[in-house]
C-alpha atoms as a PDB file:
ATOM      1  CA  MET A   1      83.607  16.338 -32.094  1.00  0.00           C
ATOM      2  CA  LYS A   2      83.057  18.315 -35.280  1.00  0.00           C
ATOM      3  CA  LYS A   3      79.838  20.270 -35.698  1.00  0.00           C
ATOM      4  CA  VAL A   4      77.898  19.487 -38.885  1.00  0.00           C
ATOM      5  CA  LEU A   5      75.470  21.590 -40.926  1.00  0.00           C
ATOM      6  CA  ILE A   6      73.380  20.184 -43.758  1.00  0.00           C
ATOM      7  CA  ALA A   7      72.303  23.112 -45.953  1.00  0.00           C
ATOM      8  CA  TYR A   8      70.183  22.331 -48.986  1.00  0.00           C
ATOM      9  CA  PHE A   9      67.919  23.722 -51.674  1.00  0.00           C
ATOM     10  CA  SER A  10      65.163  21.451 -52.941  1.00  0.00           C
ATOM     11  CA  TYR A  11      62.695  22.230 -55.709  1.00  0.00           C
ATOM     12  CA  SER A  12      60.787  18.943 -55.957  1.00  0.00           C
ATOM     13  CA  GLY A  13      61.572  17.348 -52.583  1.00  0.00           C
ATOM     14  CA  ASN A  14      64.253  14.965 -53.893  1.00  0.00           C
ATOM     15  CA  THR A  15      67.193  16.884 -52.432  1.00  0.00           C
ATOM     16  CA  ARG A  16      65.264  17.341 -49.168  1.00  0.00           C
ATOM     17  CA  ALA A  17      64.930  13.543 -48.894  1.00  0.00           C
ATOM     18  CA  VAL A  18      68.701  13.091 -49.251  1.00  0.00           C
ATOM     19  CA  ALA A  19      69.370  15.959 -46.801  1.00  0.00           C
ATOM     20  CA  ASP A  20      67.079  14.326 -44.231  1.00  0.00           C
ATOM     21  CA  SER A  21      68.899  11.028 -44.672  1.00  0.00           C
ATOM     22  CA  ILE A  22      72.272  12.743 -44.120  1.00  0.00           C
ATOM     23  CA  ARG A  23      70.906  14.522 -41.031  1.00  0.00           C
ATOM     24  CA  GLU A  24      69.700  11.244 -39.533  1.00  0.00           C
ATOM     25  CA  LYS A  25      73.075   9.587 -40.022  1.00  0.00           C
ATOM     26  CA  ALA A  26      75.481  12.503 -39.420  1.00  0.00           C
ATOM     27  CA  ALA A  27      73.537  14.070 -36.522  1.00  0.00           C
ATOM     28  CA  GLY A  28      73.918  17.588 -37.867  1.00  0.00           C
ATOM     29  CA  ASP A  29      71.777  20.694 -37.936  1.00  0.00           C
ATOM     30  CA  ILE A  30      69.694  21.265 -41.040  1.00  0.00           C
ATOM     31  CA  PHE A  31      69.058  24.492 -42.953  1.00  0.00           C
ATOM     32  CA  GLU A  32      66.881  24.935 -46.024  1.00  0.00           C
ATOM     33  CA  ILE A  33      68.182  27.415 -48.582  1.00  0.00           C
ATOM     34  CA  LYS A  34      65.075  29.263 -49.784  1.00  0.00           C
ATOM     35  CA  PRO A  35      65.030  32.137 -52.251  1.00  0.00           C
ATOM     36  CA  VAL A  36      62.665  34.961 -51.303  1.00  0.00           C
ATOM     37  CA  LYS A  37      60.882  34.534 -54.640  1.00  0.00           C
ATOM     38  CA  SER A  38      59.622  30.991 -55.208  1.00  0.00           C
ATOM     39  CA  TYR A  39      60.154  29.178 -58.474  1.00  0.00           C
ATOM     40  CA  PRO A  40      57.200  28.384 -60.742  1.00  0.00           C
ATOM     41  CA  ALA A  41      55.364  25.131 -60.014  1.00  0.00           C
ATOM     42  CA  GLU A  42      55.348  24.077 -63.669  1.00  0.00           C
ATOM     43  CA  TYR A  43      58.510  22.168 -64.622  1.00  0.00           C
ATOM     44  CA  THR A  44      59.152  23.755 -68.033  1.00  0.00           C
ATOM     45  CA  ALA A  45      58.804  27.237 -66.528  1.00  0.00           C
ATOM     46  CA  VAL A  46      61.285  26.484 -63.743  1.00  0.00           C
ATOM     47  CA  VAL A  47      63.780  25.049 -66.245  1.00  0.00           C
ATOM     48  CA  GLN A  48      63.543  28.219 -68.337  1.00  0.00           C
ATOM     49  CA  GLU A  49      63.892  30.466 -65.292  1.00  0.00           C
ATOM     50  CA  ALA A  50      66.904  28.496 -64.015  1.00  0.00           C
ATOM     51  CA  LYS A  51      68.618  28.817 -67.378  1.00  0.00           C
ATOM     52  CA  LYS A  52      67.962  32.561 -67.497  1.00  0.00           C
ATOM     53  CA  GLU A  53      69.323  33.021 -63.949  1.00  0.00           C
ATOM     54  CA  LEU A  54      72.462  31.071 -64.830  1.00  0.00           C
ATOM     55  CA  ASN A  55      73.043  32.978 -68.073  1.00  0.00           C
ATOM     56  CA  ASP A  56      72.501  36.307 -66.305  1.00  0.00           C
ATOM     57  CA  GLY A  57      74.685  35.400 -63.290  1.00  0.00           C
ATOM     58  CA  TYR A  58      71.681  36.281 -61.138  1.00  0.00           C
ATOM     59  CA  ARG A  59      71.969  35.851 -57.361  1.00  0.00           C
ATOM     60  CA  PRO A  60      68.521  35.646 -55.756  1.00  0.00           C
ATOM     61  CA  ASP A  61      67.974  37.039 -52.284  1.00  0.00           C
ATOM     62  CA  LEU A  62      67.477  34.334 -49.664  1.00  0.00           C
ATOM     63  CA  ALA A  63      64.608  34.222 -47.176  1.00  0.00           C
ATOM     64  CA  ALA A  64      66.829  33.416 -44.165  1.00  0.00           C
ATOM     65  CA  GLY A  65      70.412  32.859 -43.151  1.00  0.00           C
ATOM     66  CA  VAL A  66      72.390  30.583 -40.858  1.00  0.00           C
ATOM     67  CA  GLN A  67      72.641  32.195 -37.417  1.00  0.00           C
ATOM     68  CA  ASP A  68      76.217  31.178 -36.565  1.00  0.00           C
ATOM     69  CA  MET A  69      78.060  29.733 -39.562  1.00  0.00           C
ATOM     70  CA  GLY A  70      81.295  30.052 -37.604  1.00  0.00           C
ATOM     71  CA  ALA A  71      80.151  27.253 -35.274  1.00  0.00           C
ATOM     72  CA  TYR A  72      80.254  24.621 -38.038  1.00  0.00           C
ATOM     73  CA  ASP A  73      83.276  22.600 -39.116  1.00  0.00           C
ATOM     74  CA  ILE A  74      81.638  20.463 -41.813  1.00  0.00           C
ATOM     75  CA  VAL A  75      79.009  21.825 -44.188  1.00  0.00           C
ATOM     76  CA  PHE A  76      77.101  19.525 -46.503  1.00  0.00           C
ATOM     77  CA  ILE A  77      75.684  21.517 -49.434  1.00  0.00           C
ATOM     78  CA  GLY A  78      72.746  19.925 -51.253  1.00  0.00           C
ATOM     79  CA  TYR A  79      70.995  20.928 -54.456  1.00  0.00           C
ATOM     80  CA  PRO A  80      69.464  19.602 -57.656  1.00  0.00           C
ATOM     81  CA  ASN A  81      71.707  19.675 -60.725  1.00  0.00           C
ATOM     82  CA  TRP A  82      70.351  22.541 -62.814  1.00  0.00           C
ATOM     83  CA  TRP A  83      72.160  23.146 -66.087  1.00  0.00           C
ATOM     84  CA  SER A  84      75.231  21.160 -64.939  1.00  0.00           C
ATOM     85  CA  THR A  85      75.701  23.157 -61.733  1.00  0.00           C
ATOM     86  CA  MET A  86      73.842  24.410 -58.673  1.00  0.00           C
ATOM     87  CA  PRO A  87      70.737  26.583 -58.643  1.00  0.00           C
ATOM     88  CA  MET A  88      71.701  30.230 -58.328  1.00  0.00           C
ATOM     89  CA  GLY A  89      70.251  30.445 -54.795  1.00  0.00           C
ATOM     90  CA  VAL A  90      72.990  28.030 -53.712  1.00  0.00           C
ATOM     91  CA  PHE A  91      75.536  30.400 -55.249  1.00  0.00           C
ATOM     92  CA  SER A  92      73.936  33.188 -53.154  1.00  0.00           C
ATOM     93  CA  PHE A  93      74.250  31.025 -50.046  1.00  0.00           C
ATOM     94  CA  LEU A  94      77.897  30.131 -50.637  1.00  0.00           C
ATOM     95  CA  GLU A  95      78.813  33.774 -51.322  1.00  0.00           C
ATOM     96  CA  ALA A  96      77.120  34.943 -48.102  1.00  0.00           C
ATOM     97  CA  TYR A  97      79.584  33.270 -45.705  1.00  0.00           C
ATOM     98  CA  ASP A  98      83.275  32.806 -45.086  1.00  0.00           C
ATOM     99  CA  PHE A  99      83.975  29.086 -45.417  1.00  0.00           C
ATOM    100  CA  SER A 100      87.697  29.420 -44.626  1.00  0.00           C
ATOM    101  CA  GLY A 101      88.945  26.337 -42.816  1.00  0.00           C
ATOM    102  CA  LYS A 102      85.669  24.468 -43.208  1.00  0.00           C
ATOM    103  CA  THR A 103      85.081  21.204 -45.019  1.00  0.00           C
ATOM    104  CA  ILE A 104      82.362  21.389 -47.660  1.00  0.00           C
ATOM    105  CA  ILE A 105      80.756  18.184 -48.874  1.00  0.00           C
ATOM    106  CA  PRO A 106      78.446  18.585 -51.878  1.00  0.00           C
ATOM    107  CA  PHE A 107      75.505  16.334 -52.630  1.00  0.00           C
ATOM    108  CA  CYS A 108      73.065  16.618 -55.466  1.00  0.00           C
ATOM    109  CA  THR A 109      70.070  15.005 -57.040  1.00  0.00           C
ATOM    110  CA  HIS A 110      69.962  14.754 -60.789  1.00  0.00           C
ATOM    111  CA  GLY A 111      68.258  13.279 -63.820  1.00  0.00           C
ATOM    112  CA  GLY A 112      71.448  11.947 -65.412  1.00  0.00           C
ATOM    113  CA  GLY A 113      74.047  14.713 -65.154  1.00  0.00           C
ATOM    114  CA  GLY A 114      75.575  13.729 -61.829  1.00  0.00           C
ATOM    115  CA  LEU A 115      77.385  16.558 -60.074  1.00  0.00           C
ATOM    116  CA  GLY A 116      78.103  18.293 -63.383  1.00  0.00           C
ATOM    117  CA  ARG A 117      80.616  21.086 -62.777  1.00  0.00           C
ATOM    118  CA  SER A 118      79.197  21.998 -59.364  1.00  0.00           C
ATOM    119  CA  GLU A 119      82.212  20.775 -57.378  1.00  0.00           C
ATOM    120  CA  ARG A 120      84.480  23.007 -59.444  1.00  0.00           C
ATOM    121  CA  ASP A 121      82.076  25.926 -58.973  1.00  0.00           C
ATOM    122  CA  ILE A 122      82.052  25.418 -55.192  1.00  0.00           C
ATOM    123  CA  LYS A 123      85.855  25.406 -55.135  1.00  0.00           C
ATOM    124  CA  LYS A 124      85.884  28.736 -57.004  1.00  0.00           C
ATOM    125  CA  LEU A 125      83.332  30.266 -54.627  1.00  0.00           C
ATOM    126  CA  CYS A 126      85.009  28.924 -51.473  1.00  0.00           C
ATOM    127  CA  PRO A 127      88.755  28.840 -52.215  1.00  0.00           C
ATOM    128  CA  ARG A 128      89.784  28.660 -48.542  1.00  0.00           C
ATOM    129  CA  ALA A 129      87.584  25.652 -47.787  1.00  0.00           C
ATOM    130  CA  THR A 130      88.371  22.006 -48.302  1.00  0.00           C
ATOM    131  CA  VAL A 131      85.839  20.720 -50.826  1.00  0.00           C
ATOM    132  CA  LEU A 132      85.482  16.957 -50.801  1.00  0.00           C
ATOM    133  CA  ARG A 133      84.199  14.774 -53.611  1.00  0.00           C
ATOM    134  CA  GLY A 134      80.429  14.882 -53.575  1.00  0.00           C
ATOM    135  CA  LEU A 135      77.545  12.451 -53.715  1.00  0.00           C
ATOM    136  CA  ALA A 136      75.203  12.356 -56.704  1.00  0.00           C
ATOM    137  CA  ILE A 137      71.840  10.594 -56.350  1.00  0.00           C
ATOM    138  CA  ARG A 138      69.341  10.170 -59.172  1.00  0.00           C
ATOM    139  CA  GLY A 139      66.211  12.102 -58.310  1.00  0.00           C
ATOM    140  CA  SER A 140      64.033   9.113 -59.124  1.00  0.00           C
ATOM    141  CA  VAL A 141      65.544   7.142 -56.206  1.00  0.00           C
ATOM    142  CA  ALA A 142      66.250   9.987 -53.754  1.00  0.00           C
ATOM    143  CA  ASP A 143      63.552   8.895 -51.313  1.00  0.00           C
ATOM    144  CA  ARG A 144      65.126   5.438 -50.983  1.00  0.00           C
ATOM    145  CA  ALA A 145      68.843   6.265 -51.174  1.00  0.00           C
ATOM    146  CA  GLN A 146      69.572   5.694 -47.476  1.00  0.00           C
ATOM    147  CA  ASN A 147      72.054   2.879 -48.200  1.00  0.00           C
ATOM    148  CA  ASP A 148      73.955   5.061 -50.681  1.00  0.00           C
ATOM    149  CA  VAL A 149      74.042   7.895 -48.142  1.00  0.00           C
ATOM    150  CA  SER A 150      75.252   5.545 -45.395  1.00  0.00           C
ATOM    151  CA  ALA A 151      78.034   4.158 -47.573  1.00  0.00           C
ATOM    152  CA  PHE A 152      79.073   7.693 -48.600  1.00  0.00           C
ATOM    153  CA  LEU A 153      79.196   8.942 -45.005  1.00  0.00           C
ATOM    154  CA  GLN A 154      81.053   5.844 -43.850  1.00  0.00           C
ATOM    155  CA  ALA A 155      83.675   6.326 -46.575  1.00  0.00           C
ATOM    156  CA  LEU A 156      84.114   9.927 -45.373  1.00  0.00           C
ATOM    157  CA  GLY A 157      84.318   8.907 -41.743  1.00  0.00           C
ATOM    158  CA  VAL A 158      81.387  11.168 -40.853  1.00  0.00           C
END
């Protein structure tokens, strides 16, 4: 049996809701990706900060790490779509580990941009991993997307 990790970053709670749904159905361990420095509470400020981080190629330090990444075969990576990709803390997370031989399954919440270019970015960051097609859930329905998550996992055989 393959060991599953669901690692996610959530700003508003939408991605957390999808991560929890995946955990319930895939019976994996869960890990929250948290930058040491929190983002501003005000939406416009966080959008501006996210854009600046992306433009600067900034990699924030993370508050914690996964104890034994080597134990996992399948890693779900969850995040909100920020500027057509992942928040920079997710970049920090992906660069911190060797994903060689692992299967990475992205999932994101979004306001209309779907997965953007995040799948391509994950493939660049983790060239020795198998990156499967991801799941995109509109943030406005994230807390009630259990059927979409179930269908996605069933199609993957997870």
